[in-house]
Every structure is written in structure tokens, then in C-alpha cells.
């Protein structure tokens, strides 16, 4: 659900972002291509993630600090938590892609 909301938003905006996920694990990939290995991740994508991470901290959403790390959704996250996170990630993406 969280991954789909973010990926749909990015697609509508034309942002090169994929959110691969399996069950409760997700990853933000600043690429339109499917990434299979770490060496396929471009430096520009890591810079975008760094900007996103900084923007999200200011918005009350914490992701791991490295663009190589995955995120986790748990039973402790309510629907309201996930909606808040998705909304803030989408707003932060607008900032990241406007610079």
C-alpha cells in the first residue's frame, strides 16, 4: 500500500522513481530501470536519496540514512501512520525533484 501510493505519485509526476517491495519490505530506487545489483545504482540516485532523507527528517518521517537500505512497515504502523508517511514522502519528492 505505502509503496504503491509513492510509486503511483511518482509515475503521475513523471519522476524516475521505483518502489520495489515484497510484503512489508520496500526500497526507494531513483531510476526507471529495475535495479538487480548495487553496482547498477547511479551516483545521481544516491544524491537524490540523500536530499529525500534530509527532507523527510524535517517532516517527521525516518528512513535509514543510506539509499542502499530497505524500509520496513510493521504491525505497529497504523493506516494513519502509513498515509502520513506516504503523503510526506510525496511532498518531499516534489522538493527533491524541483532542485
PDB file of N, CA and C in Angstrom:
ATOM      1  N   UNK A   1       0.829  -1.203   0.000  1.00  0.00           N
ATOM      2  CA  UNK A   1       0.000   0.000   0.000  1.00  0.00           C
ATOM      3  C   UNK A   1       0.866   1.258   0.000  1.00  0.00           C
ATOM      4  N   UNK A   2       1.806   1.367   0.946  1.00  0.00           N
ATOM      5  CA  UNK A   2       2.696   2.527   1.014  1.00  0.00           C
ATOM      6  C   UNK A   2       3.507   2.640  -0.273  1.00  0.00           C
ATOM      7  N   UNK A   3       4.104   1.529  -0.678  1.00  0.00           N
ATOM      8  CA  UNK A   3       4.921   1.526  -1.892  1.00  0.00           C
ATOM      9  C   UNK A   3       4.091   1.913  -3.112  1.00  0.00           C
ATOM     10  N   UNK A   4       2.887   1.380  -3.211  1.00  0.00           N
ATOM     11  CA  UNK A   4       2.024   1.685  -4.358  1.00  0.00           C
ATOM     12  C   UNK A   4       1.646   3.165  -4.403  1.00  0.00           C
ATOM     13  N   UNK A   5       1.335   3.738  -3.235  1.00  0.00           N
ATOM     14  CA  UNK A   5       0.973   5.160  -3.195  1.00  0.00           C
ATOM     15  C   UNK A   5       2.134   6.026  -3.691  1.00  0.00           C
ATOM     16  N   UNK A   6       3.328   5.717  -3.237  1.00  0.00           N
ATOM     17  CA  UNK A   6       4.502   6.512  -3.622  1.00  0.00           C
ATOM     18  C   UNK A   6       4.811   6.322  -5.101  1.00  0.00           C
ATOM     19  N   UNK A   7       4.799   5.076  -5.544  1.00  0.00           N
ATOM     20  CA  UNK A   7       5.124   4.797  -6.945  1.00  0.00           C
ATOM     21  C   UNK A   7       4.081   5.400  -7.892  1.00  0.00           C
ATOM     22  N   UNK A   8       2.814   5.336  -7.535  1.00  0.00           N
ATOM     23  CA  UNK A   8       1.765   5.940  -8.369  1.00  0.00           C
ATOM     24  C   UNK A   8       1.943   7.449  -8.458  1.00  0.00           C
ATOM     25  N   UNK A   9       2.258   8.077  -7.337  1.00  0.00           N
ATOM     26  CA  UNK A   9       2.504   9.519  -7.320  1.00  0.00           C
ATOM     27  C   UNK A   9       3.675   9.863  -8.240  1.00  0.00           C
ATOM     28  N   UNK A  10       4.770   9.130  -8.105  1.00  0.00           N
ATOM     29  CA  UNK A  10       5.957   9.392  -8.925  1.00  0.00           C
ATOM     30  C   UNK A  10       5.646   9.213 -10.412  1.00  0.00           C
ATOM     31  N   UNK A  11       4.883   8.188 -10.730  1.00  0.00           N
ATOM     32  CA  UNK A  11       4.523   7.939 -12.132  1.00  0.00           C
ATOM     33  C   UNK A  11       3.684   9.088 -12.684  1.00  0.00           C
ATOM     34  N   UNK A  12       2.700   9.547 -11.897  1.00  0.00           N
ATOM     35  CA  UNK A  12       1.850  10.660 -12.334  1.00  0.00           C
ATOM     36  C   UNK A  12       2.655  11.931 -12.566  1.00  0.00           C
ATOM     37  N   UNK A  13       3.678  12.150 -11.755  1.00  0.00           N
ATOM     38  CA  UNK A  13       4.516  13.343 -11.870  1.00  0.00           C
ATOM     39  C   UNK A  13       5.622  13.186 -12.904  1.00  0.00           C
ATOM     40  N   UNK A  14       5.847  11.962 -13.364  1.00  0.00           N
ATOM     41  CA  UNK A  14       6.923  11.719 -14.316  1.00  0.00           C
ATOM     42  C   UNK A  14       8.296  11.637 -13.661  1.00  0.00           C
ATOM     43  N   UNK A  15       8.329  11.347 -12.367  1.00  0.00           N
ATOM     44  CA  UNK A  15       9.604  11.232 -11.650  1.00  0.00           C
ATOM     45  C   UNK A  15      10.207   9.849 -11.888  1.00  0.00           C
ATOM     46  N   UNK A  16      11.512   9.785 -12.123  1.00  0.00           N
ATOM     47  CA  UNK A  16      12.168   8.488 -12.296  1.00  0.00           C
ATOM     48  C   UNK A  16      12.380   7.818 -10.937  1.00  0.00           C
ATOM     49  N   UNK A  17      11.359   7.159 -10.445  1.00  0.00           N
ATOM     50  CA  UNK A  17      11.409   6.522  -9.130  1.00  0.00           C
ATOM     51  C   UNK A  17      10.626   5.228  -9.178  1.00  0.00           C
ATOM     52  N   UNK A  18      11.223   4.197  -8.645  1.00  0.00           N
ATOM     53  CA  UNK A  18      10.539   2.910  -8.489  1.00  0.00           C
ATOM     54  C   UNK A  18      10.552   2.560  -7.009  1.00  0.00           C
ATOM     55  N   UNK A  19       9.552   1.825  -6.581  1.00  0.00           N
ATOM     56  CA  UNK A  19       9.489   1.387  -5.185  1.00  0.00           C
ATOM     57  C   UNK A  19       9.259  -0.127  -5.171  1.00  0.00           C
ATOM     58  N   UNK A  20      10.330  -0.883  -5.438  1.00  0.00           N
ATOM     59  CA  UNK A  20      10.173  -2.334  -5.367  1.00  0.00           C
ATOM     60  C   UNK A  20       9.850  -2.743  -3.927  1.00  0.00           C
ATOM     61  N   UNK A  21       8.990  -3.734  -3.790  1.00  0.00           N
ATOM     62  CA  UNK A  21       8.610  -4.175  -2.450  1.00  0.00           C
ATOM     63  C   UNK A  21       8.188  -5.637  -2.459  1.00  0.00           C
ATOM     64  N   UNK A  22       8.390  -6.245  -1.319  1.00  0.00           N
ATOM     65  CA  UNK A  22       7.934  -7.612  -1.072  1.00  0.00           C
ATOM     66  C   UNK A  22       7.350  -7.606   0.330  1.00  0.00           C
ATOM     67  N   UNK A  23       6.085  -7.903   0.427  1.00  0.00           N
ATOM     68  CA  UNK A  23       5.389  -7.889   1.720  1.00  0.00           C
ATOM     69  C   UNK A  23       5.634  -6.550   2.407  1.00  0.00           C
ATOM     70  N   UNK A  24       6.271  -6.534   3.567  1.00  0.00           N
ATOM     71  CA  UNK A  24       6.433  -5.290   4.329  1.00  0.00           C
ATOM     72  C   UNK A  24       7.770  -4.597   4.088  1.00  0.00           C
ATOM     73  N   UNK A  25       8.572  -5.107   3.173  1.00  0.00           N
ATOM     74  CA  UNK A  25       9.890  -4.525   2.884  1.00  0.00           C
ATOM     75  C   UNK A  25       9.793  -3.715   1.595  1.00  0.00           C
ATOM     76  N   UNK A  26      10.337  -2.497   1.623  1.00  0.00           N
ATOM     77  CA  UNK A  26      10.321  -1.662   0.419  1.00  0.00           C
ATOM     78  C   UNK A  26      11.653  -0.941   0.268  1.00  0.00           C
ATOM     79  N   UNK A  27      11.903  -0.463  -0.937  1.00  0.00           N
ATOM     80  CA  UNK A  27      13.136   0.258  -1.242  1.00  0.00           C
ATOM     81  C   UNK A  27      12.806   1.365  -2.234  1.00  0.00           C
ATOM     82  N   UNK A  28      13.384   2.534  -2.043  1.00  0.00           N
ATOM     83  CA  UNK A  28      13.192   3.649  -2.972  1.00  0.00           C
ATOM     84  C   UNK A  28      14.363   3.679  -3.940  1.00  0.00           C
ATOM     85  N   UNK A  29      14.080   3.530  -5.213  1.00  0.00           N
ATOM     86  CA  UNK A  29      15.104   3.487  -6.248  1.00  0.00           C
ATOM     87  C   UNK A  29      14.887   4.643  -7.220  1.00  0.00           C
ATOM     88  N   UNK A  30      15.841   5.546  -7.271  1.00  0.00           N
ATOM     89  CA  UNK A  30      15.728   6.709  -8.151  1.00  0.00           C
ATOM     90  C   UNK A  30      16.182   6.335  -9.554  1.00  0.00           C
ATOM     91  N   UNK A  31      15.387   5.501 -10.190  1.00  0.00           N
ATOM     92  CA  UNK A  31      15.679   5.016 -11.531  1.00  0.00           C
ATOM     93  C   UNK A  31      14.386   4.490 -12.132  1.00  0.00           C
ATOM     94  N   UNK A  32      14.273   4.553 -13.436  1.00  0.00           N
ATOM     95  CA  UNK A  32      13.122   3.948 -14.101  1.00  0.00           C
ATOM     96  C   UNK A  32      13.405   2.489 -14.439  1.00  0.00           C
ATOM     97  N   UNK A  33      14.670   2.105 -14.317  1.00  0.00           N
ATOM     98  CA  UNK A  33      15.082   0.737 -14.627  1.00  0.00           C
ATOM     99  C   UNK A  33      15.033  -0.121 -13.367  1.00  0.00           C
ATOM    100  N   UNK A  34      14.751  -1.388 -13.541  1.00  0.00           N
ATOM    101  CA  UNK A  34      14.797  -2.319 -12.408  1.00  0.00           C
ATOM    102  C   UNK A  34      16.259  -2.520 -12.022  1.00  0.00           C
ATOM    103  N   UNK A  35      16.563  -2.330 -10.766  1.00  0.00           N
ATOM    104  CA  UNK A  35      17.924  -2.494 -10.258  1.00  0.00           C
ATOM    105  C   UNK A  35      18.048  -3.910  -9.703  1.00  0.00           C
ATOM    106  N   UNK A  36      19.042  -4.633 -10.187  1.00  0.00           N
ATOM    107  CA  UNK A  36      19.261  -6.006  -9.735  1.00  0.00           C
ATOM    108  C   UNK A  36      20.504  -6.146  -8.856  1.00  0.00           C
ATOM    109  N   UNK A  37      21.456  -5.207  -9.024  1.00  0.00           N
ATOM    110  CA  UNK A  37      22.722  -5.267  -8.282  1.00  0.00           C
ATOM    111  C   UNK A  37      23.095  -3.866  -7.819  1.00  0.00           C
ATOM    112  N   UNK A  38      23.828  -3.789  -6.728  1.00  0.00           N
ATOM    113  CA  UNK A  38      24.226  -2.492  -6.169  1.00  0.00           C
ATOM    114  C   UNK A  38      25.038  -1.665  -7.162  1.00  0.00           C
ATOM    115  N   UNK A  39      25.827  -2.309  -8.014  1.00  0.00           N
ATOM    116  CA  UNK A  39      26.653  -1.543  -8.955  1.00  0.00           C
ATOM    117  C   UNK A  39      25.832  -0.903 -10.078  1.00  0.00           C
ATOM    118  N   UNK A  40      24.548  -1.196 -10.136  1.00  0.00           N
ATOM    119  CA  UNK A  40      23.669  -0.565 -11.124  1.00  0.00           C
ATOM    120  C   UNK A  40      23.073   0.747 -10.608  1.00  0.00           C
ATOM    121  N   UNK A  41      23.273   1.025  -9.332  1.00  0.00           N
ATOM    122  CA  UNK A  41      22.726   2.240  -8.733  1.00  0.00           C
ATOM    123  C   UNK A  41      23.626   3.412  -9.104  1.00  0.00           C
ATOM    124  N   UNK A  42      23.038   4.427  -9.710  1.00  0.00           N
ATOM    125  CA  UNK A  42      23.811   5.581 -10.163  1.00  0.00           C
ATOM    126  C   UNK A  42      24.036   6.572  -9.027  1.00  0.00           C
ATOM    127  N   UNK A  43      25.160   7.272  -9.087  1.00  0.00           N
ATOM    128  CA  UNK A  43      25.511   8.269  -8.076  1.00  0.00           C
ATOM    129  C   UNK A  43      24.422   9.319  -7.948  1.00  0.00           C
ATOM    130  N   UNK A  44      23.845   9.727  -9.053  1.00  0.00           N
ATOM    131  CA  UNK A  44      22.786  10.741  -9.030  1.00  0.00           C
ATOM    132  C   UNK A  44      21.602  10.273  -8.178  1.00  0.00           C
ATOM    133  N   UNK A  45      21.281   8.990  -8.249  1.00  0.00           N
ATOM    134  CA  UNK A  45      20.198   8.443  -7.443  1.00  0.00           C
ATOM    135  C   UNK A  45      20.506   8.502  -5.959  1.00  0.00           C
ATOM    136  N   UNK A  46      21.754   8.261  -5.608  1.00  0.00           N
ATOM    137  CA  UNK A  46      22.161   8.342  -4.204  1.00  0.00           C
ATOM    138  C   UNK A  46      22.077   9.783  -3.702  1.00  0.00           C
ATOM    139  N   UNK A  47      22.415  10.730  -4.556  1.00  0.00           N
ATOM    140  CA  UNK A  47      22.305  12.149  -4.176  1.00  0.00           C
ATOM    141  C   UNK A  47      20.837  12.531  -3.972  1.00  0.00           C
ATOM    142  N   UNK A  48      19.977  12.027  -4.834  1.00  0.00           N
ATOM    143  CA  UNK A  48      18.540  12.294  -4.677  1.00  0.00           C
ATOM    144  C   UNK A  48      18.038  11.691  -3.358  1.00  0.00           C
ATOM    145  N   UNK A  49      18.496  10.479  -3.044  1.00  0.00           N
ATOM    146  CA  UNK A  49      18.064   9.856  -1.798  1.00  0.00           C
ATOM    147  C   UNK A  49      18.541  10.667  -0.599  1.00  0.00           C
ATOM    148  N   UNK A  50      19.761  11.148  -0.651  1.00  0.00           N
ATOM    149  CA  UNK A  50      20.294  11.952   0.454  1.00  0.00           C
ATOM    150  C   UNK A  50      19.421  13.187   0.675  1.00  0.00           C
ATOM    151  N   UNK A  51      19.028  13.836  -0.404  1.00  0.00           N
ATOM    152  CA  UNK A  51      18.144  15.005  -0.304  1.00  0.00           C
ATOM    153  C   UNK A  51      16.781  14.607   0.253  1.00  0.00           C
ATOM    154  N   UNK A  52      16.259  13.484  -0.209  1.00  0.00           N
ATOM    155  CA  UNK A  52      14.966  12.999   0.277  1.00  0.00           C
ATOM    156  C   UNK A  52      15.041  12.691   1.770  1.00  0.00           C
ATOM    157  N   UNK A  53      16.090  12.015   2.191  1.00  0.00           N
ATOM    158  CA  UNK A  53      16.252  11.655   3.603  1.00  0.00           C
ATOM    159  C   UNK A  53      16.240  12.909   4.472  1.00  0.00           C
ATOM    160  N   UNK A  54      16.997  13.911   4.075  1.00  0.00           N
ATOM    161  CA  UNK A  54      17.057  15.167   4.825  1.00  0.00           C
ATOM    162  C   UNK A  54      15.672  15.822   4.892  1.00  0.00           C
ATOM    163  N   UNK A  55      14.998  15.859   3.778  1.00  0.00           N
ATOM    164  CA  UNK A  55      13.665  16.471   3.700  1.00  0.00           C
ATOM    165  C   UNK A  55      12.671  15.715   4.592  1.00  0.00           C
ATOM    166  N   UNK A  56      12.756  14.399   4.601  1.00  0.00           N
ATOM    167  CA  UNK A  56      11.830  13.599   5.404  1.00  0.00           C
ATOM    168  C   UNK A  56      12.065  13.761   6.899  1.00  0.00           C
ATOM    169  N   UNK A  57      13.324  13.887   7.309  1.00  0.00           N
ATOM    170  CA  UNK A  57      13.605  14.102   8.733  1.00  0.00           C
ATOM    171  C   UNK A  57      12.900  15.357   9.230  1.00  0.00           C
ATOM    172  N   UNK A  58      12.898  16.388   8.394  1.00  0.00           N
ATOM    173  CA  UNK A  58      12.230  17.635   8.767  1.00  0.00           C
ATOM    174  C   UNK A  58      10.712  17.475   8.822  1.00  0.00           C
ATOM    175  N   UNK A  59      10.208  16.450   8.178  1.00  0.00           N
ATOM    176  CA  UNK A  59       8.761  16.220   8.100  1.00  0.00           C
ATOM    177  C   UNK A  59       8.288  15.126   9.063  1.00  0.00           C
ATOM    178  N   UNK A  60       9.199  14.623   9.885  1.00  0.00           N
ATOM    179  CA  UNK A  60       8.819  13.620  10.876  1.00  0.00           C
ATOM    180  C   UNK A  60       8.749  12.196  10.372  1.00  0.00           C
ATOM    181  N   UNK A  61       9.413  11.914   9.246  1.00  0.00           N
ATOM    182  CA  UNK A  61       9.442  10.555   8.704  1.00  0.00           C
ATOM    183  C   UNK A  61      10.899  10.108   8.665  1.00  0.00           C
ATOM    184  N   UNK A  62      11.182   8.970   9.281  1.00  0.00           N
ATOM    185  CA  UNK A  62      12.553   8.478   9.318  1.00  0.00           C
ATOM    186  C   UNK A  62      12.701   7.241   8.451  1.00  0.00           C
ATOM    187  N   UNK A  63      13.648   7.319   7.515  1.00  0.00           N
ATOM    188  CA  UNK A  63      14.098   6.160   6.745  1.00  0.00           C
ATOM    189  C   UNK A  63      15.568   5.969   7.080  1.00  0.00           C
ATOM    190  N   UNK A  64      16.083   4.786   6.847  1.00  0.00           N
ATOM    191  CA  UNK A  64      17.513   4.568   7.029  1.00  0.00           C
ATOM    192  C   UNK A  64      18.284   5.588   6.202  1.00  0.00           C
ATOM    193  N   UNK A  65      19.463   6.009   6.674  1.00  0.00           N
ATOM    194  CA  UNK A  65      20.188   7.104   6.030  1.00  0.00           C
ATOM    195  C   UNK A  65      20.874   6.768   4.709  1.00  0.00           C
ATOM    196  N   UNK A  66      20.911   5.515   4.327  1.00  0.00           N
ATOM    197  CA  UNK A  66      21.589   5.132   3.092  1.00  0.00           C
ATOM    198  C   UNK A  66      20.580   4.713   2.034  1.00  0.00           C
ATOM    199  N   UNK A  67      20.819   5.134   0.820  1.00  0.00           N
ATOM    200  CA  UNK A  67      19.962   4.747  -0.292  1.00  0.00           C
ATOM    201  C   UNK A  67      20.066   3.279  -0.647  1.00  0.00           C
ATOM    202  N   UNK A  68      21.003   2.571  -0.016  1.00  0.00           N
ATOM    203  CA  UNK A  68      21.140   1.129  -0.235  1.00  0.00           C
ATOM    204  C   UNK A  68      20.262   0.329   0.731  1.00  0.00           C
ATOM    205  N   UNK A  69      19.717   0.998   1.744  1.00  0.00           N
ATOM    206  CA  UNK A  69      18.938   0.307   2.771  1.00  0.00           C
ATOM    207  C   UNK A  69      17.472   0.193   2.373  1.00  0.00           C
ATOM    208  N   UNK A  70      16.851  -0.869   2.847  1.00  0.00           N
ATOM    209  CA  UNK A  70      15.414  -1.043   2.637  1.00  0.00           C
ATOM    210  C   UNK A  70      14.660  -0.465   3.823  1.00  0.00           C
ATOM    211  N   UNK A  71      13.376  -0.219   3.616  1.00  0.00           N
ATOM    212  CA  UNK A  71      12.498   0.228   4.689  1.00  0.00           C
ATOM    213  C   UNK A  71      11.568  -0.902   5.078  1.00  0.00           C
ATOM    214  N   UNK A  72      11.013  -0.782   6.263  1.00  0.00           N
ATOM    215  CA  UNK A  72      10.122  -1.819   6.779  1.00  0.00           C
ATOM    216  C   UNK A  72       8.833  -1.198   7.299  1.00  0.00           C
ATOM    217  N   UNK A  73       7.728  -1.829   6.997  1.00  0.00           N
ATOM    218  CA  UNK A  73       6.438  -1.478   7.581  1.00  0.00           C
ATOM    219  C   UNK A  73       6.127  -2.588   8.578  1.00  0.00           C
ATOM    220  N   UNK A  74       5.635  -2.210   9.754  1.00  0.00           N
ATOM    221  CA  UNK A  74       5.331  -3.227  10.766  1.00  0.00           C
ATOM    222  C   UNK A  74       3.890  -3.101  11.245  1.00  0.00           C
ATOM    223  N   UNK A  75       3.485  -4.053  12.067  1.00  0.00           N
ATOM    224  CA  UNK A  75       2.140  -4.033  12.638  1.00  0.00           C
ATOM    225  C   UNK A  75       1.943  -2.836  13.558  1.00  0.00           C
ATOM    226  N   UNK A  76       3.032  -2.231  13.990  1.00  0.00           N
ATOM    227  CA  UNK A  76       2.940  -1.037  14.846  1.00  0.00           C
ATOM    228  C   UNK A  76       2.498   0.192  14.061  1.00  0.00           C
ATOM    229  N   UNK A  77       2.608   0.150  12.732  1.00  0.00           N
ATOM    230  CA  UNK A  77       2.204   1.281  11.895  1.00  0.00           C
ATOM    231  C   UNK A  77       0.710   1.186  11.591  1.00  0.00           C
ATOM    232  N   UNK A  78      -0.020   2.200  11.985  1.00  0.00           N
ATOM    233  CA  UNK A  78      -1.462   2.246  11.697  1.00  0.00           C
ATOM    234  C   UNK A  78      -1.680   2.721  10.258  1.00  0.00           C
ATOM    235  N   UNK A  79      -2.900   2.599   9.783  1.00  0.00           N
ATOM    236  CA  UNK A  79      -3.228   3.129   8.458  1.00  0.00           C
ATOM    237  C   UNK A  79      -2.940   4.627   8.409  1.00  0.00           C
ATOM    238  N   UNK A  80      -3.247   5.325   9.497  1.00  0.00           N
ATOM    239  CA  UNK A  80      -2.982   6.771   9.550  1.00  0.00           C
ATOM    240  C   UNK A  80      -1.485   7.049   9.468  1.00  0.00           C
ATOM    241  N   UNK A  81      -0.665   6.217  10.127  1.00  0.00           N
ATOM    242  CA  UNK A  81       0.792   6.374  10.046  1.00  0.00           C
ATOM    243  C   UNK A  81       1.269   6.211   8.604  1.00  0.00           C
ATOM    244  N   UNK A  82       0.765   5.192   7.941  1.00  0.00           N
ATOM    245  CA  UNK A  82       1.191   4.916   6.568  1.00  0.00           C
ATOM    246  C   UNK A  82       0.721   6.003   5.610  1.00  0.00           C
ATOM    247  N   UNK A  83      -0.490   6.494   5.805  1.00  0.00           N
ATOM    248  CA  UNK A  83      -0.983   7.592   4.970  1.00  0.00           C
ATOM    249  C   UNK A  83      -0.146   8.850   5.190  1.00  0.00           C
ATOM    250  N   UNK A  84       0.197   9.123   6.448  1.00  0.00           N
ATOM    251  CA  UNK A  84       1.045  10.275   6.761  1.00  0.00           C
ATOM    252  C   UNK A  84       2.404  10.121   6.087  1.00  0.00           C
ATOM    253  N   UNK A  85       3.012   8.951   6.229  1.00  0.00           N
ATOM    254  CA  UNK A  85       4.327   8.715   5.630  1.00  0.00           C
ATOM    255  C   UNK A  85       4.269   8.871   4.112  1.00  0.00           C
ATOM    256  N   UNK A  86       3.268   8.278   3.480  1.00  0.00           N
ATOM    257  CA  UNK A  86       3.144   8.376   2.023  1.00  0.00           C
ATOM    258  C   UNK A  86       2.980   9.827   1.594  1.00  0.00           C
ATOM    259  N   UNK A  87       2.136  10.569   2.298  1.00  0.00           N
ATOM    260  CA  UNK A  87       1.913  11.977   1.966  1.00  0.00           C
ATOM    261  C   UNK A  87       3.203  12.779   2.102  1.00  0.00           C
ATOM    262  N   UNK A  88       3.921  12.566   3.186  1.00  0.00           N
ATOM    263  CA  UNK A  88       5.154  13.324   3.408  1.00  0.00           C
ATOM    264  C   UNK A  88       6.246  12.929   2.417  1.00  0.00           C
ATOM    265  N   UNK A  89       6.323  11.654   2.076  1.00  0.00           N
ATOM    266  CA  UNK A  89       7.300  11.222   1.078  1.00  0.00           C
ATOM    267  C   UNK A  89       6.978  11.866  -0.264  1.00  0.00           C
ATOM    268  N   UNK A  90       5.721  11.897  -0.637  1.00  0.00           N
ATOM    269  CA  UNK A  90       5.330  12.520  -1.909  1.00  0.00           C
ATOM    270  C   UNK A  90       5.641  14.012  -1.913  1.00  0.00           C
ATOM    271  N   UNK A  91       5.350  14.693  -0.818  1.00  0.00           N
ATOM    272  CA  UNK A  91       5.663  16.126  -0.730  1.00  0.00           C
ATOM    273  C   UNK A  91       7.172  16.357  -0.794  1.00  0.00           C
ATOM    274  N   UNK A  92       7.917  15.492  -0.121  1.00  0.00           N
ATOM    275  CA  UNK A  92       9.377  15.618  -0.134  1.00  0.00           C
ATOM    276  C   UNK A  92       9.932  15.349  -1.530  1.00  0.00           C
ATOM    277  N   UNK A  93       9.334  14.409  -2.245  1.00  0.00           N
ATOM    278  CA  UNK A  93       9.781  14.137  -3.616  1.00  0.00           C
ATOM    279  C   UNK A  93       9.594  15.365  -4.501  1.00  0.00           C
ATOM    280  N   UNK A  94       8.519  16.104  -4.292  1.00  0.00           N
ATOM    281  CA  UNK A  94       8.318  17.328  -5.072  1.00  0.00           C
ATOM    282  C   UNK A  94       9.463  18.305  -4.844  1.00  0.00           C
ATOM    283  N   UNK A  95       9.925  18.408  -3.611  1.00  0.00           N
ATOM    284  CA  UNK A  95      11.057  19.288  -3.300  1.00  0.00           C
ATOM    285  C   UNK A  95      12.330  18.755  -3.951  1.00  0.00           C
ATOM    286  N   UNK A  96      12.581  17.466  -3.793  1.00  0.00           N
ATOM    287  CA  UNK A  96      13.797  16.845  -4.329  1.00  0.00           C
ATOM    288  C   UNK A  96      13.876  17.008  -5.842  1.00  0.00           C
ATOM    289  N   UNK A  97      12.769  16.807  -6.532  1.00  0.00           N
ATOM    290  CA  UNK A  97      12.792  16.882  -7.990  1.00  0.00           C
ATOM    291  C   UNK A  97      12.649  18.305  -8.520  1.00  0.00           C
ATOM    292  N   UNK A  98      12.422  19.262  -7.642  1.00  0.00           N
ATOM    293  CA  UNK A  98      12.344  20.654  -8.101  1.00  0.00           C
ATOM    294  C   UNK A  98      13.716  21.326  -8.085  1.00  0.00           C
ATOM    295  N   UNK A  99      14.697  20.664  -7.491  1.00  0.00           N
ATOM    296  CA  UNK A  99      16.043  21.264  -7.415  1.00  0.00           C
ATOM    297  C   UNK A  99      16.967  20.675  -8.441  1.00  0.00           C
TER     298      UNK A  99
END
